[in-house]
C-alpha atoms as a PDB file:
ATOM      1  CA  MET A   1     -65.371  28.861 -10.838  1.00  0.00           C
ATOM      2  CA  VAL A   2     -67.519  27.413 -13.637  1.00  0.00           C
ATOM      3  CA  ILE A   3     -64.689  24.984 -14.384  1.00  0.00           C
ATOM      4  CA  GLY A   4     -64.659  23.987 -10.712  1.00  0.00           C
ATOM      5  CA  ALA A   5     -68.400  23.249 -10.837  1.00  0.00           C
ATOM      6  CA  HIS A   6     -67.932  21.056 -13.918  1.00  0.00           C
ATOM      7  CA  ILE A   7     -65.101  19.178 -12.257  1.00  0.00           C
ATOM      8  CA  LEU A   8     -67.179  18.747  -9.098  1.00  0.00           C
ATOM      9  CA  ARG A   9     -70.107  17.319 -11.131  1.00  0.00           C
ATOM     10  CA  PHE A  10     -67.700  14.975 -12.917  1.00  0.00           C
ATOM     11  CA  MET A  11     -66.185  13.801  -9.631  1.00  0.00           C
ATOM     12  CA  MET A  12     -69.639  13.241  -8.128  1.00  0.00           C
ATOM     13  CA  SER A  13     -70.744  11.221 -11.181  1.00  0.00           C
ATOM     14  CA  ARG A  14     -67.615   9.054 -11.050  1.00  0.00           C
ATOM     15  CA  PHE A  15     -67.623   8.616  -7.297  1.00  0.00           C
ATOM     16  CA  PRO A  16     -71.257   8.504  -6.126  1.00  0.00           C
ATOM     17  CA  LEU A  17     -71.725   9.022  -2.431  1.00  0.00           C
ATOM     18  CA  PRO A  18     -75.125   7.382  -1.725  1.00  0.00           C
ATOM     19  CA  SER A  19     -74.179   6.053   1.689  1.00  0.00           C
ATOM     20  CA  MET A  20     -72.772   9.350   2.963  1.00  0.00           C
ATOM     21  CA  ASN A  21     -74.863  11.698   4.991  1.00  0.00           C
ATOM     22  CA  ARG A  22     -75.209  15.349   4.058  1.00  0.00           C
ATOM     23  CA  ASN A  23     -72.289  16.533   6.265  1.00  0.00           C
ATOM     24  CA  LYS A  24     -69.868  14.081   4.683  1.00  0.00           C
ATOM     25  CA  LYS A  25     -70.961  15.176   1.200  1.00  0.00           C
ATOM     26  CA  VAL A  26     -70.315  18.807   2.138  1.00  0.00           C
ATOM     27  CA  ILE A  27     -66.844  17.926   3.465  1.00  0.00           C
ATOM     28  CA  PHE A  28     -66.080  15.925   0.301  1.00  0.00           C
ATOM     29  CA  THR A  29     -67.219  18.859  -1.841  1.00  0.00           C
ATOM     30  CA  LEU A  30     -65.006  21.277   0.117  1.00  0.00           C
ATOM     31  CA  ILE A  31     -61.993  19.001  -0.293  1.00  0.00           C
ATOM     32  CA  VAL A  32     -62.556  18.737  -4.060  1.00  0.00           C
ATOM     33  CA  LEU A  33     -62.967  22.521  -4.375  1.00  0.00           C
ATOM     34  CA  THR A  34     -59.816  23.092  -2.295  1.00  0.00           C
ATOM     35  CA  VAL A  35     -57.811  20.815  -4.588  1.00  0.00           C
ATOM     36  CA  ILE A  36     -59.204  22.613  -7.649  1.00  0.00           C
ATOM     37  CA  GLY A  37     -58.391  26.013  -6.119  1.00  0.00           C
ATOM     38  CA  LEU A  38     -54.859  24.913  -5.302  1.00  0.00           C
ATOM     39  CA  GLY A  39     -54.353  23.697  -8.876  1.00  0.00           C
ATOM     40  CA  LEU A  40     -55.599  26.997 -10.317  1.00  0.00           C
ATOM     41  CA  THR A  41     -53.402  28.966  -7.907  1.00  0.00           C
ATOM     42  CA  LEU A  42     -50.283  27.033  -8.907  1.00  0.00           C
ATOM     43  CA  THR A  43     -51.076  27.485 -12.605  1.00  0.00           C
ATOM     44  CA  THR A  44     -51.537  31.238 -12.119  1.00  0.00           C
ATOM     45  CA  TYR A  45     -48.319  31.473 -10.067  1.00  0.00           C
ATOM     46  CA  SER A  46     -46.347  29.735 -12.823  1.00  0.00           C
ATOM     47  CA  SER A  47     -47.681  32.152 -15.426  1.00  0.00           C
ATOM     48  CA  LEU A  48     -46.823  35.165 -13.304  1.00  0.00           C
ATOM     49  CA  THR A  49     -43.277  34.091 -12.506  1.00  0.00           C
ATOM     50  CA  LEU A  50     -42.586  33.360 -16.171  1.00  0.00           C
ATOM     51  CA  ASN A  51     -43.109  37.048 -17.007  1.00  0.00           C
ATOM     52  CA  LYS A  52     -40.940  38.390 -14.197  1.00  0.00           C
ATOM     53  CA  ASP A  53     -38.065  40.730 -15.004  1.00  0.00           C
ATOM     54  CA  LEU A  54     -34.572  39.241 -14.805  1.00  0.00           C
ATOM     55  CA  VAL A  55     -31.823  41.122 -13.012  1.00  0.00           C
ATOM     56  CA  SER A  56     -28.577  40.567 -14.831  1.00  0.00           C
ATOM     57  CA  GLU A  57     -24.946  41.463 -15.198  1.00  0.00           C
ATOM     58  CA  GLY A  58     -22.081  40.309 -17.370  1.00  0.00           C
ATOM     59  CA  ASN A  59     -18.441  40.603 -16.346  1.00  0.00           C
ATOM     60  CA  VAL A  60     -16.258  41.319 -19.357  1.00  0.00           C
ATOM     61  CA  LYS A  61     -12.758  39.888 -19.718  1.00  0.00           C
ATOM     62  CA  VAL A  62     -10.395  40.433 -22.656  1.00  0.00           C
ATOM     63  CA  THR A  63      -7.261  38.645 -23.738  1.00  0.00           C
ATOM     64  CA  PRO A  64      -3.898  40.481 -23.687  1.00  0.00           C
ATOM     65  CA  GLY A  65      -3.495  42.902 -26.567  1.00  0.00           C
ATOM     66  CA  LEU A  66      -7.121  44.099 -26.448  1.00  0.00           C
ATOM     67  CA  GLY A  67      -8.804  46.854 -24.507  1.00  0.00           C
ATOM     68  CA  ILE A  68     -12.533  47.212 -23.940  1.00  0.00           C
ATOM     69  CA  TYR A  69     -14.089  50.603 -23.277  1.00  0.00           C
ATOM     70  CA  SER A  70     -17.401  52.303 -22.683  1.00  0.00           C
ATOM     71  CA  ASP A  71     -16.577  55.337 -24.850  1.00  0.00           C
ATOM     72  CA  SER A  72     -15.574  55.783 -28.482  1.00  0.00           C
ATOM     73  CA  ALA A  73     -12.324  57.552 -27.507  1.00  0.00           C
ATOM     74  CA  CYS A  74     -11.297  54.279 -25.774  1.00  0.00           C
ATOM     75  CA  SER A  75     -10.422  56.122 -22.574  1.00  0.00           C
ATOM     76  CA  ILE A  76     -12.907  54.637 -20.028  1.00  0.00           C
ATOM     77  CA  PRO A  77     -12.177  50.932 -19.405  1.00  0.00           C
ATOM     78  CA  LEU A  78     -15.203  48.646 -19.168  1.00  0.00           C
ATOM     79  CA  THR A  79     -15.245  45.618 -16.869  1.00  0.00           C
ATOM     80  CA  SER A  80     -18.938  44.758 -16.723  1.00  0.00           C
ATOM     81  CA  ILE A  81     -22.209  45.187 -18.557  1.00  0.00           C
ATOM     82  CA  ASN A  82     -25.341  45.841 -16.554  1.00  0.00           C
ATOM     83  CA  TRP A  83     -28.188  44.577 -18.705  1.00  0.00           C
ATOM     84  CA  GLY A  84     -30.741  46.036 -16.283  1.00  0.00           C
ATOM     85  CA  ASN A  85     -34.111  44.344 -15.845  1.00  0.00           C
ATOM     86  CA  VAL A  86     -34.972  42.315 -18.921  1.00  0.00           C
ATOM     87  CA  LYS A  87     -38.183  40.475 -19.673  1.00  0.00           C
ATOM     88  CA  PRO A  88     -38.579  36.984 -21.138  1.00  0.00           C
ATOM     89  CA  GLY A  89     -38.923  37.091 -24.920  1.00  0.00           C
ATOM     90  CA  THR A  90     -36.861  40.251 -25.311  1.00  0.00           C
ATOM     91  CA  SER A  91     -33.363  41.247 -26.357  1.00  0.00           C
ATOM     92  CA  ILE A  92     -31.260  44.104 -25.072  1.00  0.00           C
ATOM     93  CA  THR A  93     -28.201  45.494 -26.826  1.00  0.00           C
ATOM     94  CA  GLN A  94     -25.333  47.458 -25.290  1.00  0.00           C
ATOM     95  CA  THR A  95     -22.580  49.280 -27.191  1.00  0.00           C
ATOM     96  CA  MET A  96     -18.919  49.052 -26.226  1.00  0.00           C
ATOM     97  CA  TYR A  97     -15.622  49.700 -27.986  1.00  0.00           C
ATOM     98  CA  ILE A  98     -12.728  47.304 -28.490  1.00  0.00           C
ATOM     99  CA  GLU A  99      -9.205  48.457 -29.326  1.00  0.00           C
ATOM    100  CA  ASN A 100      -6.212  46.407 -30.440  1.00  0.00           C
ATOM    101  CA  THR A 101      -3.614  47.606 -27.923  1.00  0.00           C
ATOM    102  CA  GLY A 102      -0.943  45.232 -29.220  1.00  0.00           C
ATOM    103  CA  THR A 103       1.878  45.948 -31.646  1.00  0.00           C
ATOM    104  CA  GLY A 104       2.803  44.411 -34.951  1.00  0.00           C
ATOM    105  CA  ALA A 105      -0.054  42.006 -35.684  1.00  0.00           C
ATOM    106  CA  SER A 106      -3.752  42.213 -36.357  1.00  0.00           C
ATOM    107  CA  SER A 107      -6.185  40.420 -34.060  1.00  0.00           C
ATOM    108  CA  SER A 108      -9.252  38.453 -35.110  1.00  0.00           C
ATOM    109  CA  LEU A 109     -12.054  38.956 -32.570  1.00  0.00           C
ATOM    110  CA  SER A 110     -14.178  36.223 -31.006  1.00  0.00           C
ATOM    111  CA  LEU A 111     -16.688  36.095 -28.157  1.00  0.00           C
ATOM    112  CA  SER A 112     -17.429  33.307 -25.686  1.00  0.00           C
ATOM    113  CA  THR A 113     -19.139  32.993 -22.315  1.00  0.00           C
ATOM    114  CA  SER A 114     -18.442  31.052 -19.126  1.00  0.00           C
ATOM    115  CA  ASN A 115     -19.269  30.887 -15.422  1.00  0.00           C
ATOM    116  CA  TRP A 116     -23.035  31.197 -15.858  1.00  0.00           C
ATOM    117  CA  SER A 117     -24.865  31.660 -12.582  1.00  0.00           C
ATOM    118  CA  PRO A 118     -27.148  29.876 -12.363  1.00  0.00           C
ATOM    119  CA  SER A 119     -25.741  27.378 -14.854  1.00  0.00           C
ATOM    120  CA  SER A 120     -29.279  26.697 -16.126  1.00  0.00           C
ATOM    121  CA  ALA A 121     -29.352  30.256 -17.573  1.00  0.00           C
ATOM    122  CA  ASN A 122     -26.925  29.151 -20.322  1.00  0.00           C
ATOM    123  CA  GLY A 123     -29.300  28.257 -23.153  1.00  0.00           C
ATOM    124  CA  PRO A 124     -32.469  30.190 -22.317  1.00  0.00           C
ATOM    125  CA  ILE A 125     -30.232  33.282 -22.312  1.00  0.00           C
ATOM    126  CA  ALA A 126     -27.845  33.854 -25.207  1.00  0.00           C
ATOM    127  CA  ILE A 127     -25.076  36.446 -25.551  1.00  0.00           C
ATOM    128  CA  SER A 128     -24.103  37.450 -29.097  1.00  0.00           C
ATOM    129  CA  TRP A 129     -22.444  40.306 -30.938  1.00  0.00           C
ATOM    130  CA  ASN A 130     -21.868  41.820 -34.357  1.00  0.00           C
ATOM    131  CA  GLN A 131     -18.063  41.586 -34.622  1.00  0.00           C
ATOM    132  CA  GLU A 132     -17.226  37.853 -34.720  1.00  0.00           C
ATOM    133  CA  GLY A 133     -14.097  37.397 -36.860  1.00  0.00           C
ATOM    134  CA  THR A 134     -13.447  41.125 -37.289  1.00  0.00           C
ATOM    135  CA  LYS A 135      -9.726  41.871 -37.726  1.00  0.00           C
ATOM    136  CA  LEU A 136      -8.235  44.848 -35.883  1.00  0.00           C
ATOM    137  CA  LEU A 137      -4.850  46.315 -36.732  1.00  0.00           C
ATOM    138  CA  PRO A 138      -2.706  47.623 -33.839  1.00  0.00           C
ATOM    139  CA  GLY A 139      -4.194  50.898 -32.566  1.00  0.00           C
ATOM    140  CA  GLN A 140      -7.461  50.305 -34.422  1.00  0.00           C
ATOM    141  CA  SER A 141     -10.782  50.256 -32.546  1.00  0.00           C
ATOM    142  CA  VAL A 142     -14.312  49.198 -33.407  1.00  0.00           C
ATOM    143  CA  ALA A 143     -17.785  49.794 -31.969  1.00  0.00           C
ATOM    144  CA  VAL A 144     -19.391  46.551 -30.808  1.00  0.00           C
ATOM    145  CA  ALA A 145     -23.082  45.807 -30.315  1.00  0.00           C
ATOM    146  CA  ILE A 146     -23.391  43.012 -27.747  1.00  0.00           C
ATOM    147  CA  THR A 147     -26.838  41.507 -27.202  1.00  0.00           C
ATOM    148  CA  ALA A 148     -28.481  39.432 -24.489  1.00  0.00           C
ATOM    149  CA  THR A 149     -31.476  37.498 -25.815  1.00  0.00           C
ATOM    150  CA  ILE A 150     -33.906  36.026 -23.277  1.00  0.00           C
ATOM    151  CA  SER A 151     -36.083  33.079 -24.331  1.00  0.00           C
ATOM    152  CA  PRO A 152     -39.836  33.636 -23.914  1.00  0.00           C
ATOM    153  CA  SER A 153     -40.076  30.229 -22.215  1.00  0.00           C
ATOM    154  CA  ILE A 154     -37.412  30.869 -19.553  1.00  0.00           C
ATOM    155  CA  ALA A 155     -38.532  29.661 -16.109  1.00  0.00           C
ATOM    156  CA  ASN A 156     -37.200  29.500 -12.562  1.00  0.00           C
ATOM    157  CA  ILE A 157     -34.508  32.135 -13.144  1.00  0.00           C
ATOM    158  CA  SER A 158     -34.923  35.553 -11.533  1.00  0.00           C
ATOM    159  CA  ASN A 159     -31.370  36.840 -12.005  1.00  0.00           C
ATOM    160  CA  PHE A 160     -28.206  35.754 -13.756  1.00  0.00           C
ATOM    161  CA  ASN A 161     -24.527  36.552 -14.100  1.00  0.00           C
ATOM    162  CA  VAL A 162     -22.179  35.515 -16.861  1.00  0.00           C
ATOM    163  CA  GLN A 163     -18.539  36.096 -17.737  1.00  0.00           C
ATOM    164  CA  ILE A 164     -18.150  37.392 -21.290  1.00  0.00           C
ATOM    165  CA  ILE A 165     -14.756  36.684 -22.825  1.00  0.00           C
ATOM    166  CA  ILE A 166     -13.570  38.662 -25.831  1.00  0.00           C
ATOM    167  CA  ALA A 167     -10.461  37.222 -27.419  1.00  0.00           C
ATOM    168  CA  GLY A 168      -8.145  38.479 -30.098  1.00  0.00           C
ATOM    169  CA  THR A 169      -6.161  35.857 -31.950  1.00  0.00           C
ATOM    170  CA  GLN A 170      -3.421  36.520 -34.502  1.00  0.00           C
END
């Protein structure tokens, strides 16, 4: 409130009210303090919403010839990743397993994303992994660490969804 008093003194020095009676000065002071209070409230609200947890999920799609699984035996198919509640400025990593289910040729792995919801989440939120360019022979599988990184300056996003596409090219 000390800041409010300084602002009030500044406003009174810039806009002297000699012709106003005492009641009008009180009303003017209340209006100025209300505007100051509103400004401080909005600033505080912005800071609080910036640190809110994000609810998130990623749907996983693979190209033909690849399988994606939640277990190392490659027996439980995986179709989505629930990142849980994540905070701005943090990263969360999930492990999954990819198997080359094709025959005859090795596949080079790549990751991309699409269908961000909201679309403004693409940028402040990044999806990456540790297997870009890895070659898998038919029947071979690999553990994959896939990471969602949330920018510390993300704003106006409380949840997001994204489609994660894992492709195998020959």
